Amino acid sequence: MESPQRSSFVRRLLSLPIRHAQQAIGSLGDLWRTPFTTVMTVLVLGISLTLPATLHLFVKNAQQVTKQWDSASEISLFLNLSVSDKSAQNLVQRIMLYPEVSKVKYISAEEALKEFKVLSGFGQALDYLDENPLPATVLVTPTKRASQAQAAGELLIKLEKEREVEQGKLDLEWLSRLEAMATLIENIVTSVAFLLCLSVVLIIGNTIRLAIINQKDAIAVMKLVGATDSFIQRPFLYSGIWYGILGGVFACLAIAILAYYLSGALTVLTDLYGSNFVLQGLTFDESLLLIGFAIGLGLLGSYISVRQHIRAIEPKTD
């Protein structure tokens, strides 16, 4: 036969999710009864979350663009004029064995001269030359890991030690600037995101504080009849969660509209340059992560507020 204590414990355990659901729905009803305050708070939260998320979108699309610039870290090796095609081909085979090398392209001296004639516009004048003044060239594309400025520079030094190589060229300064700009943008995104997330916590905390002050007398009566602080705090915590959900959903919609609006202008611009770049919006997982992050901020802001203010309210017993 089941003991009364165990039966009471089971009933309390089963009723716990029901009470939580009731208080969650009740807190949503409280927000519904103050539409102006709720809408304004959600808009402020949504805009605060939209700004760092938009910066993240900018960084993500910038990374997509830079992936198309693999040739930016391409190393040009100019061979000695005395090197034969056979020796050059042997050099290409040796370079292909380098673990830092992804692709190697050989351009003979004859091919280089033909290309120079077409590009320079001095084709007829170059026909009067007795010898080809251009050397054979080997274009070396590093792997993704070796494309960084420091690693590419080390690879250049290594390649220049080959006996067939007269000179190597790599625009390390351009690569260094590109990496510095990317790092700066990421740091700006992190800093702005931190400040805006802090503002979200403060906004929700202040909103919950005002709600607690408006219900100060009711909270005092509840404490007087024996309600615990955790029971009183729960609806306000759920209010913070609802603010986070609504603000996160608004931010996702705002970013989707913004991405759609900008994609039209970018399509016209990229068509002029013959590029197939497509603006990427937030993925489904990123949207869920943004909403979950907003819920966390809402819960944190409401928790800080209720812990500070509800404990300070004490019923008057005189």
C-alpha atoms as a PDB file:
ATOM      1  CA  MET A   1       0.000   0.000   0.000  1.00  0.00           C
ATOM      2  CA  GLU A   2       1.364   3.427  -0.992  1.00  0.00           C
ATOM      3  CA  SER A   3       2.241   5.707   1.894  1.00  0.00           C
ATOM      4  CA  PRO A   4       0.496   9.132   2.191  1.00  0.00           C
ATOM      5  CA  GLN A   5       3.845  10.968   2.068  1.00  0.00           C
ATOM      6  CA  ARG A   6       4.842   9.305  -1.196  1.00  0.00           C
ATOM      7  CA  SER A   7       1.414   9.928  -2.685  1.00  0.00           C
ATOM      8  CA  SER A   8       1.618  13.611  -1.756  1.00  0.00           C
ATOM      9  CA  PHE A   9       5.092  13.878  -3.286  1.00  0.00           C
ATOM     10  CA  VAL A  10       3.918  12.297  -6.551  1.00  0.00           C
ATOM     11  CA  ARG A  11       0.952  14.696  -6.738  1.00  0.00           C
ATOM     12  CA  ARG A  12       3.229  17.690  -6.185  1.00  0.00           C
ATOM     13  CA  LEU A  13       5.645  16.418  -8.828  1.00  0.00           C
ATOM     14  CA  LEU A  14       2.862  15.932 -11.380  1.00  0.00           C
ATOM     15  CA  SER A  15       1.306  19.311 -10.639  1.00  0.00           C
ATOM     16  CA  LEU A  16       4.606  21.179 -11.019  1.00  0.00           C
ATOM     17  CA  PRO A  17       4.590  21.403 -14.854  1.00  0.00           C
ATOM     18  CA  ILE A  18       0.918  22.352 -14.750  1.00  0.00           C
ATOM     19  CA  ARG A  19       1.647  25.257 -12.396  1.00  0.00           C
ATOM     20  CA  HIS A  20       4.552  26.335 -14.569  1.00  0.00           C
ATOM     21  CA  ALA A  21       2.349  26.246 -17.682  1.00  0.00           C
ATOM     22  CA  GLN A  22      -0.364  28.255 -15.906  1.00  0.00           C
ATOM     23  CA  GLN A  23       2.112  30.896 -14.778  1.00  0.00           C
ATOM     24  CA  ALA A  24       3.735  31.046 -18.230  1.00  0.00           C
ATOM     25  CA  ILE A  25       0.349  31.595 -19.905  1.00  0.00           C
ATOM     26  CA  GLY A  26      -0.621  34.062 -17.174  1.00  0.00           C
ATOM     27  CA  SER A  27       2.539  36.094 -17.722  1.00  0.00           C
ATOM     28  CA  LEU A  28       1.809  36.189 -21.460  1.00  0.00           C
ATOM     29  CA  GLY A  29      -1.659  37.479 -20.598  1.00  0.00           C
ATOM     30  CA  ASP A  30      -0.085  40.231 -18.496  1.00  0.00           C
ATOM     31  CA  LEU A  31       1.965  41.312 -21.489  1.00  0.00           C
ATOM     32  CA  TRP A  32      -1.170  41.260 -23.655  1.00  0.00           C
ATOM     33  CA  ARG A  33      -2.964  43.574 -21.210  1.00  0.00           C
ATOM     34  CA  THR A  34      -0.239  46.217 -21.627  1.00  0.00           C
ATOM     35  CA  PRO A  35       0.126  46.239 -25.443  1.00  0.00           C
ATOM     36  CA  PHE A  36       1.907  49.580 -25.795  1.00  0.00           C
ATOM     37  CA  THR A  37       4.621  48.776 -23.258  1.00  0.00           C
ATOM     38  CA  THR A  38       5.021  45.256 -24.636  1.00  0.00           C
ATOM     39  CA  VAL A  39       5.291  46.354 -28.269  1.00  0.00           C
ATOM     40  CA  MET A  40       7.761  49.128 -27.499  1.00  0.00           C
ATOM     41  CA  THR A  41       9.927  46.800 -25.409  1.00  0.00           C
ATOM     42  CA  VAL A  42       9.873  44.069 -28.072  1.00  0.00           C
ATOM     43  CA  LEU A  43      10.796  46.579 -30.786  1.00  0.00           C
ATOM     44  CA  VAL A  44      13.731  47.909 -28.780  1.00  0.00           C
ATOM     45  CA  LEU A  45      14.919  44.373 -28.024  1.00  0.00           C
ATOM     46  CA  GLY A  46      14.470  43.274 -31.628  1.00  0.00           C
ATOM     47  CA  ILE A  47      16.412  46.223 -33.008  1.00  0.00           C
ATOM     48  CA  SER A  48      19.171  45.736 -30.421  1.00  0.00           C
ATOM     49  CA  LEU A  49      19.505  42.102 -31.503  1.00  0.00           C
ATOM     50  CA  THR A  50      19.215  42.930 -35.209  1.00  0.00           C
ATOM     51  CA  LEU A  51      22.294  45.155 -35.244  1.00  0.00           C
ATOM     52  CA  PRO A  52      24.886  42.560 -34.073  1.00  0.00           C
ATOM     53  CA  ALA A  53      23.168  39.822 -36.088  1.00  0.00           C
ATOM     54  CA  THR A  54      23.379  42.011 -39.205  1.00  0.00           C
ATOM     55  CA  LEU A  55      27.079  42.588 -38.556  1.00  0.00           C
ATOM     56  CA  HIS A  56      27.496  38.816 -38.258  1.00  0.00           C
ATOM     57  CA  LEU A  57      25.727  38.475 -41.601  1.00  0.00           C
ATOM     58  CA  PHE A  58      28.121  41.010 -43.099  1.00  0.00           C
ATOM     59  CA  VAL A  59      31.158  39.092 -41.823  1.00  0.00           C
ATOM     60  CA  LYS A  60      29.760  35.788 -43.095  1.00  0.00           C
ATOM     61  CA  ASN A  61      29.161  37.152 -46.587  1.00  0.00           C
ATOM     62  CA  ALA A  62      32.549  38.879 -46.592  1.00  0.00           C
ATOM     63  CA  GLN A  63      34.159  35.523 -45.848  1.00  0.00           C
ATOM     64  CA  GLN A  64      32.232  34.039 -48.761  1.00  0.00           C
ATOM     65  CA  VAL A  65      33.641  36.726 -51.050  1.00  0.00           C
ATOM     66  CA  THR A  66      37.221  36.246 -49.866  1.00  0.00           C
ATOM     67  CA  LYS A  67      36.974  32.526 -50.618  1.00  0.00           C
ATOM     68  CA  GLN A  68      36.825  33.529 -54.284  1.00  0.00           C
ATOM     69  CA  TRP A  69      40.141  35.353 -53.892  1.00  0.00           C
ATOM     70  CA  ASP A  70      42.388  32.311 -53.511  1.00  0.00           C
ATOM     71  CA  SER A  71      44.633  33.711 -56.242  1.00  0.00           C
ATOM     72  CA  ALA A  72      45.432  36.632 -53.941  1.00  0.00           C
ATOM     73  CA  SER A  73      47.922  34.378 -52.154  1.00  0.00           C
ATOM     74  CA  GLU A  74      49.276  32.950 -55.408  1.00  0.00           C
ATOM     75  CA  ILE A  75      53.077  32.839 -55.578  1.00  0.00           C
ATOM     76  CA  SER A  76      54.768  33.714 -58.870  1.00  0.00           C
ATOM     77  CA  LEU A  77      58.150  32.081 -59.431  1.00  0.00           C
ATOM     78  CA  PHE A  78      60.259  33.537 -62.258  1.00  0.00           C
ATOM     79  CA  LEU A  79      62.770  30.981 -63.531  1.00  0.00           C
ATOM     80  CA  ASN A  80      66.266  31.557 -64.808  1.00  0.00           C
ATOM     81  CA  LEU A  81      66.446  32.282 -68.541  1.00  0.00           C
ATOM     82  CA  SER A  82      68.778  29.330 -69.001  1.00  0.00           C
ATOM     83  CA  VAL A  83      66.303  26.805 -67.578  1.00  0.00           C
ATOM     84  CA  SER A  84      64.956  24.386 -70.189  1.00  0.00           C
ATOM     85  CA  ASP A  85      61.351  23.209 -70.385  1.00  0.00           C
ATOM     86  CA  LYS A  86      62.388  19.782 -69.127  1.00  0.00           C
ATOM     87  CA  SER A  87      64.087  21.244 -66.039  1.00  0.00           C
ATOM     88  CA  ALA A  88      61.059  23.473 -65.461  1.00  0.00           C
ATOM     89  CA  GLN A  89      58.739  20.470 -65.608  1.00  0.00           C
ATOM     90  CA  ASN A  90      60.934  18.673 -63.071  1.00  0.00           C
ATOM     91  CA  LEU A  91      60.655  21.723 -60.818  1.00  0.00           C
ATOM     92  CA  VAL A  92      56.874  21.625 -61.129  1.00  0.00           C
ATOM     93  CA  GLN A  93      56.856  17.963 -60.091  1.00  0.00           C
ATOM     94  CA  ARG A  94      59.003  18.725 -57.039  1.00  0.00           C
ATOM     95  CA  ILE A  95      56.824  21.641 -55.998  1.00  0.00           C
ATOM     96  CA  MET A  96      53.701  19.491 -56.277  1.00  0.00           C
ATOM     97  CA  LEU A  97      55.157  17.305 -53.527  1.00  0.00           C
ATOM     98  CA  TYR A  98      55.193  20.240 -51.072  1.00  0.00           C
ATOM     99  CA  PRO A  99      52.520  19.709 -48.385  1.00  0.00           C
ATOM    100  CA  GLU A 100      51.785  23.455 -48.402  1.00  0.00           C
ATOM    101  CA  VAL A 101      50.986  23.523 -52.134  1.00  0.00           C
ATOM    102  CA  SER A 102      47.511  23.004 -53.533  1.00  0.00           C
ATOM    103  CA  LYS A 103      48.022  23.665 -57.251  1.00  0.00           C
ATOM    104  CA  VAL A 104      50.900  24.455 -59.622  1.00  0.00           C
ATOM    105  CA  LYS A 105      50.635  26.010 -63.084  1.00  0.00           C
ATOM    106  CA  TYR A 106      53.579  26.274 -65.494  1.00  0.00           C
ATOM    107  CA  ILE A 107      53.744  29.085 -68.066  1.00  0.00           C
ATOM    108  CA  SER A 108      56.526  28.731 -70.602  1.00  0.00           C
ATOM    109  CA  ALA A 109      58.512  31.690 -71.865  1.00  0.00           C
ATOM    110  CA  GLU A 110      56.777  31.468 -75.260  1.00  0.00           C
ATOM    111  CA  GLU A 111      53.322  31.509 -73.660  1.00  0.00           C
ATOM    112  CA  ALA A 112      54.325  34.447 -71.476  1.00  0.00           C
ATOM    113  CA  LEU A 113      55.491  36.397 -74.508  1.00  0.00           C
ATOM    114  CA  LYS A 114      52.265  35.721 -76.428  1.00  0.00           C
ATOM    115  CA  GLU A 115      50.179  36.872 -73.491  1.00  0.00           C
ATOM    116  CA  PHE A 116      52.319  39.985 -73.053  1.00  0.00           C
ATOM    117  CA  LYS A 117      51.883  40.882 -76.723  1.00  0.00           C
ATOM    118  CA  VAL A 118      48.122  40.733 -76.397  1.00  0.00           C
ATOM    119  CA  LEU A 119      47.915  42.652 -73.132  1.00  0.00           C
ATOM    120  CA  SER A 120      50.577  45.279 -73.767  1.00  0.00           C
ATOM    121  CA  GLY A 121      49.568  46.329 -77.277  1.00  0.00           C
ATOM    122  CA  PHE A 122      53.207  46.268 -78.449  1.00  0.00           C
ATOM    123  CA  GLY A 123      52.873  43.093 -80.465  1.00  0.00           C
ATOM    124  CA  GLN A 124      54.505  44.380 -83.662  1.00  0.00           C
ATOM    125  CA  ALA A 125      57.374  46.044 -81.801  1.00  0.00           C
ATOM    126  CA  LEU A 126      58.132  42.843 -79.878  1.00  0.00           C
ATOM    127  CA  ASP A 127      58.507  40.950 -83.173  1.00  0.00           C
ATOM    128  CA  TYR A 128      61.787  42.784 -83.788  1.00  0.00           C
ATOM    129  CA  LEU A 129      63.397  41.316 -80.656  1.00  0.00           C
ATOM    130  CA  ASP A 130      66.097  38.730 -81.330  1.00  0.00           C
ATOM    131  CA  GLU A 131      65.467  36.823 -78.093  1.00  0.00           C
ATOM    132  CA  ASN A 132      62.547  36.340 -75.756  1.00  0.00           C
ATOM    133  CA  PRO A 133      63.237  38.583 -72.733  1.00  0.00           C
ATOM    134  CA  LEU A 134      60.564  36.987 -70.577  1.00  0.00           C
ATOM    135  CA  PRO A 135      61.354  34.038 -68.307  1.00  0.00           C
ATOM    136  CA  ALA A 136      59.252  30.962 -67.751  1.00  0.00           C
ATOM    137  CA  THR A 137      56.923  31.297 -64.784  1.00  0.00           C
ATOM    138  CA  VAL A 138      55.519  28.873 -62.256  1.00  0.00           C
ATOM    139  CA  LEU A 139      52.322  29.908 -60.436  1.00  0.00           C
ATOM    140  CA  VAL A 140      51.981  28.203 -57.068  1.00  0.00           C
ATOM    141  CA  THR A 141      48.680  28.194 -55.173  1.00  0.00           C
ATOM    142  CA  PRO A 142      49.115  27.383 -51.458  1.00  0.00           C
ATOM    143  CA  THR A 143      46.666  25.308 -49.480  1.00  0.00           C
ATOM    144  CA  LYS A 144      44.060  27.086 -47.384  1.00  0.00           C
ATOM    145  CA  ARG A 145      46.185  26.769 -44.262  1.00  0.00           C
ATOM    146  CA  ALA A 146      49.290  28.025 -46.050  1.00  0.00           C
ATOM    147  CA  SER A 147      47.437  31.001 -47.574  1.00  0.00           C
ATOM    148  CA  GLN A 148      47.817  33.063 -44.404  1.00  0.00           C
ATOM    149  CA  ALA A 149      50.342  35.895 -44.658  1.00  0.00           C
ATOM    150  CA  GLN A 150      53.008  34.385 -42.413  1.00  0.00           C
ATOM    151  CA  ALA A 151      52.699  30.855 -43.802  1.00  0.00           C
ATOM    152  CA  ALA A 152      52.699  32.133 -47.403  1.00  0.00           C
ATOM    153  CA  GLY A 153      55.834  34.137 -46.716  1.00  0.00           C
ATOM    154  CA  GLU A 154      57.594  31.078 -45.313  1.00  0.00           C
ATOM    155  CA  LEU A 155      56.557  29.064 -48.375  1.00  0.00           C
ATOM    156  CA  LEU A 156      57.925  31.792 -50.664  1.00  0.00           C
ATOM    157  CA  ILE A 157      61.316  31.660 -48.932  1.00  0.00           C
ATOM    158  CA  LYS A 158      61.327  27.890 -49.273  1.00  0.00           C
ATOM    159  CA  LEU A 159      60.490  28.000 -52.980  1.00  0.00           C
ATOM    160  CA  GLU A 160      63.093  30.643 -53.742  1.00  0.00           C
ATOM    161  CA  LYS A 161      65.780  28.203 -52.619  1.00  0.00           C
ATOM    162  CA  GLU A 162      65.079  25.991 -55.638  1.00  0.00           C
ATOM    163  CA  ARG A 163      68.014  26.272 -58.045  1.00  0.00           C
ATOM    164  CA  GLU A 164      65.845  26.967 -61.107  1.00  0.00           C
ATOM    165  CA  VAL A 165      64.137  29.947 -59.466  1.00  0.00           C
ATOM    166  CA  GLU A 166      65.536  33.401 -60.144  1.00  0.00           C
ATOM    167  CA  GLN A 167      62.950  35.366 -58.141  1.00  0.00           C
ATOM    168  CA  GLY A 168      59.673  34.826 -56.324  1.00  0.00           C
ATOM    169  CA  LYS A 169      56.888  37.316 -55.813  1.00  0.00           C
ATOM    170  CA  LEU A 170      54.021  37.460 -53.325  1.00  0.00           C
ATOM    171  CA  ASP A 171      52.064  40.503 -52.246  1.00  0.00           C
ATOM    172  CA  LEU A 172      52.437  39.882 -48.523  1.00  0.00           C
ATOM    173  CA  GLU A 173      51.537  43.464 -47.686  1.00  0.00           C
ATOM    174  CA  TRP A 174      48.142  43.073 -49.369  1.00  0.00           C
ATOM    175  CA  LEU A 175      47.519  39.801 -47.545  1.00  0.00           C
ATOM    176  CA  SER A 176      48.508  41.338 -44.213  1.00  0.00           C
ATOM    177  CA  ARG A 177      46.142  44.237 -44.757  1.00  0.00           C
ATOM    178  CA  LEU A 178      43.308  41.885 -45.685  1.00  0.00           C
ATOM    179  CA  GLU A 179      43.828  39.793 -42.546  1.00  0.00           C
ATOM    180  CA  ALA A 180      44.105  42.926 -40.388  1.00  0.00           C
ATOM    181  CA  MET A 181      40.844  44.268 -41.803  1.00  0.00           C
ATOM    182  CA  ALA A 182      39.070  40.947 -41.229  1.00  0.00           C
ATOM    183  CA  THR A 183      40.342  40.799 -37.637  1.00  0.00           C
ATOM    184  CA  LEU A 184      39.285  44.407 -37.024  1.00  0.00           C
ATOM    185  CA  ILE A 185      35.775  43.753 -38.344  1.00  0.00           C
ATOM    186  CA  GLU A 186      35.409  40.658 -36.156  1.00  0.00           C
ATOM    187  CA  ASN A 187      36.562  42.613 -33.090  1.00  0.00           C
ATOM    188  CA  ILE A 188      34.096  45.403 -33.869  1.00  0.00           C
ATOM    189  CA  VAL A 189      31.280  42.874 -34.235  1.00  0.00           C
ATOM    190  CA  THR A 190      32.183  41.266 -30.896  1.00  0.00           C
ATOM    191  CA  SER A 191      32.375  44.612 -29.083  1.00  0.00           C
ATOM    192  CA  VAL A 192      29.127  45.955 -30.522  1.00  0.00           C
ATOM    193  CA  ALA A 193      27.358  42.652 -29.842  1.00  0.00           C
ATOM    194  CA  PHE A 194      28.516  42.692 -26.207  1.00  0.00           C
ATOM    195  CA  LEU A 195      27.319  46.265 -25.646  1.00  0.00           C
ATOM    196  CA  LEU A 196      23.952  45.667 -27.313  1.00  0.00           C
ATOM    197  CA  CYS A 197      23.405  42.417 -25.413  1.00  0.00           C
ATOM    198  CA  LEU A 198      24.163  44.280 -22.185  1.00  0.00           C
ATOM    199  CA  SER A 199      21.585  46.891 -23.182  1.00  0.00           C
ATOM    200  CA  VAL A 200      19.032  44.107 -23.785  1.00  0.00           C
ATOM    201  CA  VAL A 201      19.604  42.763 -20.274  1.00  0.00           C
ATOM    202  CA  LEU A 202      19.242  46.257 -18.784  1.00  0.00           C
ATOM    203  CA  ILE A 203      16.091  47.030 -20.785  1.00  0.00           C
ATOM    204  CA  ILE A 204      14.368  43.809 -19.767  1.00  0.00           C
ATOM    205  CA  GLY A 205      15.525  44.239 -16.169  1.00  0.00           C
ATOM    206  CA  ASN A 206      14.093  47.755 -16.038  1.00  0.00           C
ATOM    207  CA  THR A 207      10.824  46.636 -17.657  1.00  0.00           C
ATOM    208  CA  ILE A 208      10.414  43.839 -15.112  1.00  0.00           C
ATOM    209  CA  ARG A 209      11.316  46.253 -12.303  1.00  0.00           C
ATOM    210  CA  LEU A 210       8.486  48.574 -13.340  1.00  0.00           C
ATOM    211  CA  ALA A 211       6.097  45.618 -13.481  1.00  0.00           C
ATOM    212  CA  ILE A 212       7.126  44.595  -9.954  1.00  0.00           C
ATOM    213  CA  ILE A 213       6.615  48.140  -8.655  1.00  0.00           C
ATOM    214  CA  ASN A 214       3.145  48.270 -10.235  1.00  0.00           C
ATOM    215  CA  GLN A 215       2.239  45.022  -8.418  1.00  0.00           C
ATOM    216  CA  LYS A 216       3.972  45.868  -5.173  1.00  0.00           C
ATOM    217  CA  ASP A 217       0.807  45.753  -3.062  1.00  0.00           C
ATOM    218  CA  ALA A 218      -0.340  42.452  -4.596  1.00  0.00           C
ATOM    219  CA  ILE A 219       3.091  40.916  -3.943  1.00  0.00           C
ATOM    220  CA  ALA A 220       2.959  42.070  -0.312  1.00  0.00           C
ATOM    221  CA  VAL A 221      -0.460  40.434   0.119  1.00  0.00           C
ATOM    222  CA  MET A 222       0.804  37.196  -1.459  1.00  0.00           C
ATOM    223  CA  LYS A 223       3.724  37.117   0.949  1.00  0.00           C
ATOM    224  CA  LEU A 224       1.350  37.797   3.803  1.00  0.00           C
ATOM    225  CA  VAL A 225      -0.711  34.688   2.994  1.00  0.00           C
ATOM    226  CA  GLY A 226       2.419  32.521   2.766  1.00  0.00           C
ATOM    227  CA  ALA A 227       3.523  32.644  -0.899  1.00  0.00           C
ATOM    228  CA  THR A 228       7.225  31.945  -1.351  1.00  0.00           C
ATOM    229  CA  ASP A 229       9.588  34.238  -3.233  1.00  0.00           C
ATOM    230  CA  SER A 230      10.141  31.602  -5.933  1.00  0.00           C
ATOM    231  CA  PHE A 231       6.400  31.335  -6.565  1.00  0.00           C
ATOM    232  CA  ILE A 232       6.083  35.126  -6.865  1.00  0.00           C
ATOM    233  CA  GLN A 233       9.173  35.448  -9.054  1.00  0.00           C
ATOM    234  CA  ARG A 234       8.130  32.805 -11.559  1.00  0.00           C
ATOM    235  CA  PRO A 235       5.632  34.873 -13.615  1.00  0.00           C
ATOM    236  CA  PHE A 236       8.147  37.704 -13.955  1.00  0.00           C
ATOM    237  CA  LEU A 237      10.813  35.253 -15.114  1.00  0.00           C
ATOM    238  CA  TYR A 238       8.415  33.934 -17.724  1.00  0.00           C
ATOM    239  CA  SER A 239       7.752  37.525 -18.809  1.00  0.00           C
ATOM    240  CA  GLY A 240      11.475  37.905 -19.479  1.00  0.00           C
ATOM    241  CA  ILE A 241      11.403  34.689 -21.512  1.00  0.00           C
ATOM    242  CA  TRP A 242       8.432  35.926 -23.564  1.00  0.00           C
ATOM    243  CA  TYR A 243      10.206  39.215 -24.207  1.00  0.00           C
ATOM    244  CA  GLY A 244      13.214  37.254 -25.421  1.00  0.00           C
ATOM    245  CA  ILE A 245      11.134  35.053 -27.725  1.00  0.00           C
ATOM    246  CA  LEU A 246       9.232  37.969 -29.257  1.00  0.00           C
ATOM    247  CA  GLY A 247      12.360  40.100 -29.590  1.00  0.00           C
ATOM    248  CA  GLY A 248      14.299  37.225 -31.197  1.00  0.00           C
ATOM    249  CA  VAL A 249      11.523  36.483 -33.692  1.00  0.00           C
ATOM    250  CA  PHE A 250      11.297  40.168 -34.586  1.00  0.00           C
ATOM    251  CA  ALA A 251      15.078  40.294 -35.114  1.00  0.00           C
ATOM    252  CA  CYS A 252      14.961  37.250 -37.428  1.00  0.00           C
ATOM    253  CA  LEU A 253      12.166  38.801 -39.487  1.00  0.00           C
ATOM    254  CA  ALA A 254      13.958  42.150 -39.673  1.00  0.00           C
ATOM    255  CA  ILE A 255      17.180  40.489 -40.855  1.00  0.00           C
ATOM    256  CA  ALA A 256      15.297  38.430 -43.465  1.00  0.00           C
ATOM    257  CA  ILE A 257      13.611  41.578 -44.832  1.00  0.00           C
ATOM    258  CA  LEU A 258      16.904  43.467 -44.821  1.00  0.00           C
ATOM    259  CA  ALA A 259      18.713  40.641 -46.643  1.00  0.00           C
ATOM    260  CA  TYR A 260      15.938  40.454 -49.248  1.00  0.00           C
ATOM    261  CA  TYR A 261      16.049  44.214 -49.757  1.00  0.00           C
ATOM    262  CA  LEU A 262      19.838  44.310 -50.185  1.00  0.00           C
ATOM    263  CA  SER A 263      20.017  41.209 -52.377  1.00  0.00           C
ATOM    264  CA  GLY A 264      18.277  43.042 -55.241  1.00  0.00           C
ATOM    265  CA  ALA A 265      20.807  45.887 -55.250  1.00  0.00           C
ATOM    266  CA  LEU A 266      23.722  43.451 -54.903  1.00  0.00           C
ATOM    267  CA  THR A 267      22.461  41.365 -57.819  1.00  0.00           C
ATOM    268  CA  VAL A 268      22.556  44.405 -60.102  1.00  0.00           C
ATOM    269  CA  LEU A 269      26.081  45.275 -58.904  1.00  0.00           C
ATOM    270  CA  THR A 270      27.502  41.753 -59.201  1.00  0.00           C
ATOM    271  CA  ASP A 271      26.007  41.322 -62.680  1.00  0.00           C
ATOM    272  CA  LEU A 272      28.062  44.307 -63.828  1.00  0.00           C
ATOM    273  CA  TYR A 273      31.227  42.505 -62.677  1.00  0.00           C
ATOM    274  CA  GLY A 274      30.159  39.111 -64.002  1.00  0.00           C
ATOM    275  CA  SER A 275      30.077  37.595 -60.529  1.00  0.00           C
ATOM    276  CA  ASN A 276      27.647  34.962 -59.278  1.00  0.00           C
ATOM    277  CA  PHE A 277      27.745  36.174 -55.677  1.00  0.00           C
ATOM    278  CA  VAL A 278      24.484  35.614 -53.771  1.00  0.00           C
ATOM    279  CA  LEU A 279      23.796  37.309 -50.449  1.00  0.00           C
ATOM    280  CA  GLN A 280      23.361  34.739 -47.709  1.00  0.00           C
ATOM    281  CA  GLY A 281      20.825  35.342 -44.948  1.00  0.00           C
ATOM    282  CA  LEU A 282      20.546  33.623 -41.605  1.00  0.00           C
ATOM    283  CA  THR A 283      20.225  29.858 -41.777  1.00  0.00           C
ATOM    284  CA  PHE A 284      17.520  28.038 -39.826  1.00  0.00           C
ATOM    285  CA  ASP A 285      20.037  26.963 -37.194  1.00  0.00           C
ATOM    286  CA  GLU A 286      21.364  30.514 -36.870  1.00  0.00           C
ATOM    287  CA  SER A 287      17.806  31.832 -36.448  1.00  0.00           C
ATOM    288  CA  LEU A 288      17.111  29.309 -33.695  1.00  0.00           C
ATOM    289  CA  LEU A 289      20.405  30.221 -32.056  1.00  0.00           C
ATOM    290  CA  LEU A 290      19.499  33.918 -32.177  1.00  0.00           C
ATOM    291  CA  ILE A 291      16.084  33.282 -30.602  1.00  0.00           C
ATOM    292  CA  GLY A 292      17.636  31.022 -27.956  1.00  0.00           C
ATOM    293  CA  PHE A 293      20.243  33.674 -27.187  1.00  0.00           C
ATOM    294  CA  ALA A 294      17.482  36.286 -26.875  1.00  0.00           C
ATOM    295  CA  ILE A 295      15.604  34.027 -24.458  1.00  0.00           C
ATOM    296  CA  GLY A 296      18.766  33.674 -22.373  1.00  0.00           C
ATOM    297  CA  LEU A 297      19.223  37.447 -22.236  1.00  0.00           C
ATOM    298  CA  GLY A 298      15.566  37.949 -21.307  1.00  0.00           C
ATOM    299  CA  LEU A 299      15.771  35.369 -18.550  1.00  0.00           C
ATOM    300  CA  LEU A 300      18.995  36.890 -17.222  1.00  0.00           C
ATOM    301  CA  GLY A 301      17.576  40.427 -17.156  1.00  0.00           C
ATOM    302  CA  SER A 302      14.367  39.356 -15.426  1.00  0.00           C
ATOM    303  CA  TYR A 303      16.246  37.169 -12.927  1.00  0.00           C
ATOM    304  CA  ILE A 304      18.520  40.016 -11.870  1.00  0.00           C
ATOM    305  CA  SER A 305      15.520  42.311 -11.423  1.00  0.00           C
ATOM    306  CA  VAL A 306      13.286  39.939  -9.455  1.00  0.00           C
ATOM    307  CA  ARG A 307      16.094  38.818  -7.163  1.00  0.00           C
ATOM    308  CA  GLN A 308      16.772  42.411  -6.219  1.00  0.00           C
ATOM    309  CA  HIS A 309      13.286  43.880  -5.940  1.00  0.00           C
ATOM    310  CA  ILE A 310      10.934  41.103  -4.824  1.00  0.00           C
ATOM    311  CA  ARG A 311      13.026  40.303  -1.769  1.00  0.00           C
ATOM    312  CA  ALA A 312      12.858  43.981  -0.789  1.00  0.00           C
ATOM    313  CA  ILE A 313       9.055  43.881  -0.636  1.00  0.00           C
ATOM    314  CA  GLU A 314       7.795  42.891   2.806  1.00  0.00           C
ATOM    315  CA  PRO A 315       4.191  42.889   3.979  1.00  0.00           C
ATOM    316  CA  LYS A 316       3.161  45.364   6.667  1.00  0.00           C
ATOM    317  CA  THR A 317       1.972  43.508   9.773  1.00  0.00           C
ATOM    318  CA  ASP A 318       0.986  46.494  11.930  1.00  0.00           C
END
